[in-house]
Amino acid sequence: MQKQNKTEVNWTLWIGLLILVLTELINSKVWTLPKALYIILIASSIIVLMVGLAFDVKKFLDLRKENNNNRRINYK
């Protein structure tokens, strides 16, 4: 069985970072956002980042479990 080396981009993390950076840039340079909108945008970017990290952790744990199973099969 061949191992597949795929590099997958987690777009959720990039979208969360983009929301966070754009919110900070808009709030500091162009105009000041209303406080409620600013809090909502920051909270949504944090939630998006947490979801992205959760998917990354799940993918890492699945790969680790698969590698452990492959190792057991190879030793038998």
PDB file of N, CA and C in Angstrom:
ATOM      1  N   MET A   1       0.846  -1.179   0.000  1.00  0.00           N
ATOM      2  CA  MET A   1       0.000   0.000   0.000  1.00  0.00           C
ATOM      3  C   MET A   1       0.894   1.246   0.000  1.00  0.00           C
ATOM      4  N   GLN A   2       0.629   2.180  -0.890  1.00  0.00           N
ATOM      5  CA  GLN A   2       1.431   3.393  -0.966  1.00  0.00           C
ATOM      6  C   GLN A   2       0.831   4.473  -0.086  1.00  0.00           C
ATOM      7  N   LYS A   3       1.728   5.236   0.511  1.00  0.00           N
ATOM      8  CA  LYS A   3       1.259   6.361   1.306  1.00  0.00           C
ATOM      9  C   LYS A   3       1.008   7.539   0.378  1.00  0.00           C
ATOM     10  N   GLN A   4      -0.042   8.250   0.649  1.00  0.00           N
ATOM     11  CA  GLN A   4      -0.351   9.427  -0.149  1.00  0.00           C
ATOM     12  C   GLN A   4       0.040  10.659   0.646  1.00  0.00           C
ATOM     13  N   ASN A   5       0.905  11.447   0.071  1.00  0.00           N
ATOM     14  CA  ASN A   5       1.303  12.693   0.716  1.00  0.00           C
ATOM     15  C   ASN A   5       0.511  13.828   0.082  1.00  0.00           C
ATOM     16  N   LYS A   6      -0.543  14.208   0.755  1.00  0.00           N
ATOM     17  CA  LYS A   6      -1.378  15.303   0.274  1.00  0.00           C
ATOM     18  C   LYS A   6      -1.263  16.455   1.254  1.00  0.00           C
ATOM     19  N   THR A   7      -1.096  17.622   0.712  1.00  0.00           N
ATOM     20  CA  THR A   7      -1.124  18.816   1.541  1.00  0.00           C
ATOM     21  C   THR A   7      -2.470  19.476   1.309  1.00  0.00           C
ATOM     22  N   GLU A   8      -3.307  19.422   2.321  1.00  0.00           N
ATOM     23  CA  GLU A   8      -4.630  20.020   2.207  1.00  0.00           C
ATOM     24  C   GLU A   8      -4.629  21.350   2.948  1.00  0.00           C
ATOM     25  N   VAL A   9      -5.217  22.332   2.320  1.00  0.00           N
ATOM     26  CA  VAL A   9      -5.297  23.654   2.927  1.00  0.00           C
ATOM     27  C   VAL A   9      -6.583  23.727   3.727  1.00  0.00           C
ATOM     28  N   ASN A  10      -6.454  24.140   4.965  1.00  0.00           N
ATOM     29  CA  ASN A  10      -7.644  24.327   5.785  1.00  0.00           C
ATOM     30  C   ASN A  10      -8.134  25.761   5.571  1.00  0.00           C
ATOM     31  N   TRP A  11      -9.119  25.901   4.696  1.00  0.00           N
ATOM     32  CA  TRP A  11      -9.607  27.230   4.343  1.00  0.00           C
ATOM     33  C   TRP A  11     -10.311  27.906   5.508  1.00  0.00           C
ATOM     34  N   THR A  12     -10.809  27.137   6.445  1.00  0.00           N
ATOM     35  CA  THR A  12     -11.502  27.729   7.593  1.00  0.00           C
ATOM     36  C   THR A  12     -10.557  28.615   8.388  1.00  0.00           C
ATOM     37  N   LEU A  13      -9.324  28.159   8.587  1.00  0.00           N
ATOM     38  CA  LEU A  13      -8.357  28.965   9.331  1.00  0.00           C
ATOM     39  C   LEU A  13      -8.021  30.251   8.588  1.00  0.00           C
ATOM     40  N   TRP A  14      -7.841  30.153   7.279  1.00  0.00           N
ATOM     41  CA  TRP A  14      -7.506  31.342   6.501  1.00  0.00           C
ATOM     42  C   TRP A  14      -8.658  32.342   6.495  1.00  0.00           C
ATOM     43  N   ILE A  15      -9.891  31.859   6.410  1.00  0.00           N
ATOM     44  CA  ILE A  15     -11.047  32.761   6.417  1.00  0.00           C
ATOM     45  C   ILE A  15     -11.162  33.465   7.765  1.00  0.00           C
ATOM     46  N   GLY A  16     -10.964  32.715   8.851  1.00  0.00           N
ATOM     47  CA  GLY A  16     -11.016  33.321  10.178  1.00  0.00           C
ATOM     48  C   GLY A  16      -9.949  34.380  10.366  1.00  0.00           C
ATOM     49  N   LEU A  17      -8.733  34.089   9.911  1.00  0.00           N
ATOM     50  CA  LEU A  17      -7.656  35.076  10.010  1.00  0.00           C
ATOM     51  C   LEU A  17      -7.942  36.296   9.146  1.00  0.00           C
ATOM     52  N   LEU A  18      -8.505  36.076   7.961  1.00  0.00           N
ATOM     53  CA  LEU A  18      -8.837  37.187   7.079  1.00  0.00           C
ATOM     54  C   LEU A  18      -9.892  38.096   7.707  1.00  0.00           C
ATOM     55  N   ILE A  19     -10.919  37.507   8.298  1.00  0.00           N
ATOM     56  CA  ILE A  19     -11.952  38.306   8.975  1.00  0.00           C
ATOM     57  C   ILE A  19     -11.325  39.119  10.099  1.00  0.00           C
ATOM     58  N   LEU A  20     -10.457  38.487  10.874  1.00  0.00           N
ATOM     59  CA  LEU A  20      -9.823  39.170  11.999  1.00  0.00           C
ATOM     60  C   LEU A  20      -8.946  40.325  11.529  1.00  0.00           C
ATOM     61  N   VAL A  21      -8.118  40.086  10.532  1.00  0.00           N
ATOM     62  CA  VAL A  21      -7.211  41.131  10.040  1.00  0.00           C
ATOM     63  C   VAL A  21      -7.989  42.268   9.391  1.00  0.00           C
ATOM     64  N   LEU A  22      -8.970  41.944   8.560  1.00  0.00           N
ATOM     65  CA  LEU A  22      -9.759  42.999   7.921  1.00  0.00           C
ATOM     66  C   LEU A  22     -10.527  43.830   8.937  1.00  0.00           C
ATOM     67  N   THR A  23     -11.043  43.184   9.968  1.00  0.00           N
ATOM     68  CA  THR A  23     -11.754  43.920  11.014  1.00  0.00           C
ATOM     69  C   THR A  23     -10.823  44.907  11.698  1.00  0.00           C
ATOM     70  N   GLU A  24      -9.606  44.456  12.012  1.00  0.00           N
ATOM     71  CA  GLU A  24      -8.647  45.343  12.670  1.00  0.00           C
ATOM     72  C   GLU A  24      -8.212  46.481  11.753  1.00  0.00           C
ATOM     73  N   LEU A  25      -7.971  46.185  10.476  1.00  0.00           N
ATOM     74  CA  LEU A  25      -7.557  47.233   9.540  1.00  0.00           C
ATOM     75  C   LEU A  25      -8.652  48.271   9.336  1.00  0.00           C
ATOM     76  N   ILE A  26      -9.871  47.798   9.143  1.00  0.00           N
ATOM     77  CA  ILE A  26     -10.984  48.729   8.934  1.00  0.00           C
ATOM     78  C   ILE A  26     -11.200  49.578  10.177  1.00  0.00           C
ATOM     79  N   ASN A  27     -11.119  48.957  11.335  1.00  0.00           N
ATOM     80  CA  ASN A  27     -11.393  49.684  12.569  1.00  0.00           C
ATOM     81  C   ASN A  27     -10.308  50.713  12.869  1.00  0.00           C
ATOM     82  N   SER A  28      -9.075  50.458  12.478  1.00  0.00           N
ATOM     83  CA  SER A  28      -8.010  51.379  12.852  1.00  0.00           C
ATOM     84  C   SER A  28      -7.737  52.437  11.785  1.00  0.00           C
ATOM     85  N   LYS A  29      -7.857  52.104  10.499  1.00  0.00           N
ATOM     86  CA  LYS A  29      -7.427  53.023   9.447  1.00  0.00           C
ATOM     87  C   LYS A  29      -8.577  53.795   8.803  1.00  0.00           C
ATOM     88  N   VAL A  30      -9.608  53.112   8.419  1.00  0.00           N
ATOM     89  CA  VAL A  30     -10.627  53.744   7.586  1.00  0.00           C
ATOM     90  C   VAL A  30     -11.671  54.463   8.436  1.00  0.00           C
ATOM     91  N   TRP A  31     -12.362  53.729   9.240  1.00  0.00           N
ATOM     92  CA  TRP A  31     -13.354  54.324  10.121  1.00  0.00           C
ATOM     93  C   TRP A  31     -13.505  53.433  11.335  1.00  0.00           C
ATOM     94  N   THR A  32     -14.152  53.946  12.336  1.00  0.00           N
ATOM     95  CA  THR A  32     -14.360  53.130  13.533  1.00  0.00           C
ATOM     96  C   THR A  32     -15.711  52.438  13.419  1.00  0.00           C
ATOM     97  N   LEU A  33     -15.679  51.154  13.649  1.00  0.00           N
ATOM     98  CA  LEU A  33     -16.908  50.373  13.610  1.00  0.00           C
ATOM     99  C   LEU A  33     -17.693  50.595  14.893  1.00  0.00           C
ATOM    100  N   PRO A  34     -19.014  50.453  14.817  1.00  0.00           N
ATOM    101  CA  PRO A  34     -19.785  50.469  16.064  1.00  0.00           C
ATOM    102  C   PRO A  34     -19.317  49.336  16.976  1.00  0.00           C
ATOM    103  N   LYS A  35     -19.369  49.584  18.263  1.00  0.00           N
ATOM    104  CA  LYS A  35     -18.826  48.630  19.233  1.00  0.00           C
ATOM    105  C   LYS A  35     -19.467  47.247  19.091  1.00  0.00           C
ATOM    106  N   ALA A  36     -20.771  47.187  18.899  1.00  0.00           N
ATOM    107  CA  ALA A  36     -21.457  45.893  18.797  1.00  0.00           C
ATOM    108  C   ALA A  36     -20.998  45.127  17.553  1.00  0.00           C
ATOM    109  N   LEU A  37     -20.868  45.817  16.425  1.00  0.00           N
ATOM    110  CA  LEU A  37     -20.419  45.161  15.195  1.00  0.00           C
ATOM    111  C   LEU A  37     -18.982  44.676  15.339  1.00  0.00           C
ATOM    112  N   TYR A  38     -18.150  45.483  15.979  1.00  0.00           N
ATOM    113  CA  TYR A  38     -16.756  45.105  16.208  1.00  0.00           C
ATOM    114  C   TYR A  38     -16.677  43.831  17.055  1.00  0.00           C
ATOM    115  N   ILE A  39     -17.463  43.770  18.113  1.00  0.00           N
ATOM    116  CA  ILE A  39     -17.468  42.590  18.988  1.00  0.00           C
ATOM    117  C   ILE A  39     -17.989  41.368  18.231  1.00  0.00           C
ATOM    118  N   ILE A  40     -19.035  41.551  17.424  1.00  0.00           N
ATOM    119  CA  ILE A  40     -19.583  40.432  16.646  1.00  0.00           C
ATOM    120  C   ILE A  40     -18.555  39.906  15.650  1.00  0.00           C
ATOM    121  N   LEU A  41     -17.849  40.794  14.953  1.00  0.00           N
ATOM    122  CA  LEU A  41     -16.849  40.361  13.976  1.00  0.00           C
ATOM    123  C   LEU A  41     -15.681  39.646  14.644  1.00  0.00           C
ATOM    124  N   ILE A  42     -15.216  40.170  15.766  1.00  0.00           N
ATOM    125  CA  ILE A  42     -14.114  39.516  16.483  1.00  0.00           C
ATOM    126  C   ILE A  42     -14.563  38.144  16.993  1.00  0.00           C
ATOM    127  N   ALA A  43     -15.770  38.076  17.567  1.00  0.00           N
ATOM    128  CA  ALA A  43     -16.271  36.793  18.078  1.00  0.00           C
ATOM    129  C   ALA A  43     -16.456  35.782  16.947  1.00  0.00           C
ATOM    130  N   SER A  44     -16.974  36.235  15.810  1.00  0.00           N
ATOM    131  CA  SER A  44     -17.170  35.300  14.693  1.00  0.00           C
ATOM    132  C   SER A  44     -15.837  34.808  14.149  1.00  0.00           C
ATOM    133  N   SER A  45     -14.835  35.673  14.098  1.00  0.00           N
ATOM    134  CA  SER A  45     -13.531  35.215  13.609  1.00  0.00           C
ATOM    135  C   SER A  45     -12.905  34.221  14.576  1.00  0.00           C
ATOM    136  N   ILE A  46     -13.091  34.437  15.869  1.00  0.00           N
ATOM    137  CA  ILE A  46     -12.564  33.488  16.861  1.00  0.00           C
ATOM    138  C   ILE A  46     -13.281  32.144  16.736  1.00  0.00           C
ATOM    139  N   ILE A  47     -14.594  32.171  16.537  1.00  0.00           N
ATOM    140  CA  ILE A  47     -15.352  30.924  16.376  1.00  0.00           C
ATOM    141  C   ILE A  47     -14.908  30.184  15.121  1.00  0.00           C
ATOM    142  N   VAL A  48     -14.720  30.908  14.017  1.00  0.00           N
ATOM    143  CA  VAL A  48     -14.269  30.280  12.773  1.00  0.00           C
ATOM    144  C   VAL A  48     -12.890  29.666  12.965  1.00  0.00           C
ATOM    145  N   LEU A  49     -11.999  30.372  13.659  1.00  0.00           N
ATOM    146  CA  LEU A  49     -10.665  29.829  13.925  1.00  0.00           C
ATOM    147  C   LEU A  49     -10.735  28.578  14.789  1.00  0.00           C
ATOM    148  N   MET A  50     -11.596  28.584  15.795  1.00  0.00           N
ATOM    149  CA  MET A  50     -11.724  27.409  16.666  1.00  0.00           C
ATOM    150  C   MET A  50     -12.258  26.207  15.883  1.00  0.00           C
ATOM    151  N   VAL A  51     -13.222  26.434  15.006  1.00  0.00           N
ATOM    152  CA  VAL A  51     -13.754  25.341  14.186  1.00  0.00           C
ATOM    153  C   VAL A  51     -12.665  24.792  13.270  1.00  0.00           C
ATOM    154  N   GLY A  52     -11.885  25.681  12.671  1.00  0.00           N
ATOM    155  CA  GLY A  52     -10.791  25.240  11.815  1.00  0.00           C
ATOM    156  C   GLY A  52      -9.758  24.428  12.572  1.00  0.00           C
ATOM    157  N   LEU A  53      -9.424  24.873  13.773  1.00  0.00           N
ATOM    158  CA  LEU A  53      -8.468  24.121  14.587  1.00  0.00           C
ATOM    159  C   LEU A  53      -9.038  22.772  15.003  1.00  0.00           C
ATOM    160  N   ALA A  54     -10.333  22.727  15.294  1.00  0.00           N
ATOM    161  CA  ALA A  54     -10.953  21.449  15.665  1.00  0.00           C
ATOM    162  C   ALA A  54     -10.872  20.458  14.508  1.00  0.00           C
ATOM    163  N   PHE A  55     -11.105  20.926  13.281  1.00  0.00           N
ATOM    164  CA  PHE A  55     -10.981  20.039  12.121  1.00  0.00           C
ATOM    165  C   PHE A  55      -9.543  19.562  11.946  1.00  0.00           C
ATOM    166  N   ASP A  56      -8.573  20.471  12.174  1.00  0.00           N
ATOM    167  CA  ASP A  56      -7.165  20.071  12.059  1.00  0.00           C
ATOM    168  C   ASP A  56      -6.802  19.022  13.094  1.00  0.00           C
ATOM    169  N   VAL A  57      -7.261  19.203  14.327  1.00  0.00           N
ATOM    170  CA  VAL A  57      -6.961  18.238  15.386  1.00  0.00           C
ATOM    171  C   VAL A  57      -7.609  16.896  15.067  1.00  0.00           C
ATOM    172  N   LYS A  58      -8.853  16.918  14.593  1.00  0.00           N
ATOM    173  CA  LYS A  58      -9.531  15.667  14.238  1.00  0.00           C
ATOM    174  C   LYS A  58      -8.786  14.953  13.115  1.00  0.00           C
ATOM    175  N   LYS A  59      -8.349  15.708  12.106  1.00  0.00           N
ATOM    176  CA  LYS A  59      -7.615  15.110  10.995  1.00  0.00           C
ATOM    177  C   LYS A  59      -6.297  14.507  11.491  1.00  0.00           C
ATOM    178  N   PHE A  60      -5.611  15.220  12.387  1.00  0.00           N
ATOM    179  CA  PHE A  60      -4.351  14.722  12.935  1.00  0.00           C
ATOM    180  C   PHE A  60      -4.574  13.432  13.723  1.00  0.00           C
ATOM    181  N   LEU A  61      -5.619  13.398  14.544  1.00  0.00           N
ATOM    182  CA  LEU A  61      -5.892  12.200  15.336  1.00  0.00           C
ATOM    183  C   LEU A  61      -6.289  11.023  14.448  1.00  0.00           C
ATOM    184  N   ASP A  62      -7.056  11.296  13.383  1.00  0.00           N
ATOM    185  CA  ASP A  62      -7.416  10.223  12.449  1.00  0.00           C
ATOM    186  C   ASP A  62      -6.183   9.663  11.750  1.00  0.00           C
ATOM    187  N   LEU A  63      -5.270  10.544  11.327  1.00  0.00           N
ATOM    188  CA  LEU A  63      -4.040  10.078  10.682  1.00  0.00           C
ATOM    189  C   LEU A  63      -3.186   9.278  11.647  1.00  0.00           C
ATOM    190  N   ARG A  64      -3.136   9.720  12.887  1.00  0.00           N
ATOM    191  CA  ARG A  64      -2.348   9.009  13.896  1.00  0.00           C
ATOM    192  C   ARG A  64      -2.928   7.615  14.144  1.00  0.00           C
ATOM    193  N   LYS A  65      -4.256   7.542  14.234  1.00  0.00           N
ATOM    194  CA  LYS A  65      -4.913   6.252  14.437  1.00  0.00           C
ATOM    195  C   LYS A  65      -4.667   5.335  13.238  1.00  0.00           C
ATOM    196  N   GLU A  66      -4.748   5.895  12.032  1.00  0.00           N
ATOM    197  CA  GLU A  66      -4.509   5.107  10.820  1.00  0.00           C
ATOM    198  C   GLU A  66      -3.062   4.608  10.774  1.00  0.00           C
ATOM    199  N   ASN A  67      -2.109   5.451  11.162  1.00  0.00           N
ATOM    200  CA  ASN A  67      -0.705   5.032  11.179  1.00  0.00           C
ATOM    201  C   ASN A  67      -0.472   3.933  12.202  1.00  0.00           C
ATOM    202  N   ASN A  68      -1.116   4.030  13.360  1.00  0.00           N
ATOM    203  CA  ASN A  68      -0.979   2.978  14.370  1.00  0.00           C
ATOM    204  C   ASN A  68      -1.562   1.665  13.863  1.00  0.00           C
ATOM    205  N   ASN A  69      -2.701   1.728  13.180  1.00  0.00           N
ATOM    206  CA  ASN A  69      -3.306   0.513  12.625  1.00  0.00           C
ATOM    207  C   ASN A  69      -2.415  -0.091  11.548  1.00  0.00           C
ATOM    208  N   ASN A  70      -1.821   0.748  10.701  1.00  0.00           N
ATOM    209  CA  ASN A  70      -0.922   0.247   9.657  1.00  0.00           C
ATOM    210  C   ASN A  70       0.314  -0.396  10.268  1.00  0.00           C
ATOM    211  N   ARG A  71       0.814   0.169  11.334  1.00  0.00           N
ATOM    212  CA  ARG A  71       1.997  -0.380  11.990  1.00  0.00           C
ATOM    213  C   ARG A  71       1.687  -1.759  12.572  1.00  0.00           C
ATOM    214  N   ARG A  72       0.506  -1.916  13.161  1.00  0.00           N
ATOM    215  CA  ARG A  72       0.118  -3.213  13.726  1.00  0.00           C
ATOM    216  C   ARG A  72      -0.012  -4.264  12.634  1.00  0.00           C
ATOM    217  N   ILE A  73      -0.565  -3.877  11.504  1.00  0.00           N
ATOM    218  CA  ILE A  73      -0.727  -4.821  10.392  1.00  0.00           C
ATOM    219  C   ILE A  73       0.641  -5.248   9.864  1.00  0.00           C
ATOM    220  N   ASN A  74       1.574  -4.306   9.770  1.00  0.00           N
ATOM    221  CA  ASN A  74       2.895  -4.624   9.228  1.00  0.00           C
ATOM    222  C   ASN A  74       3.693  -5.534  10.149  1.00  0.00           C
ATOM    223  N   TYR A  75       3.489  -5.443  11.456  1.00  0.00           N
ATOM    224  CA  TYR A  75       4.246  -6.273  12.387  1.00  0.00           C
ATOM    225  C   TYR A  75       3.742  -7.704  12.431  1.00  0.00           C
ATOM    226  N   LYS A  76       2.487  -7.918  12.080  1.00  0.00           N
ATOM    227  CA  LYS A  76       1.918  -9.270  12.185  1.00  0.00           C
ATOM    228  C   LYS A  76       2.362 -10.172  11.080  1.00  0.00           C
TER     229      LYS A  76
END
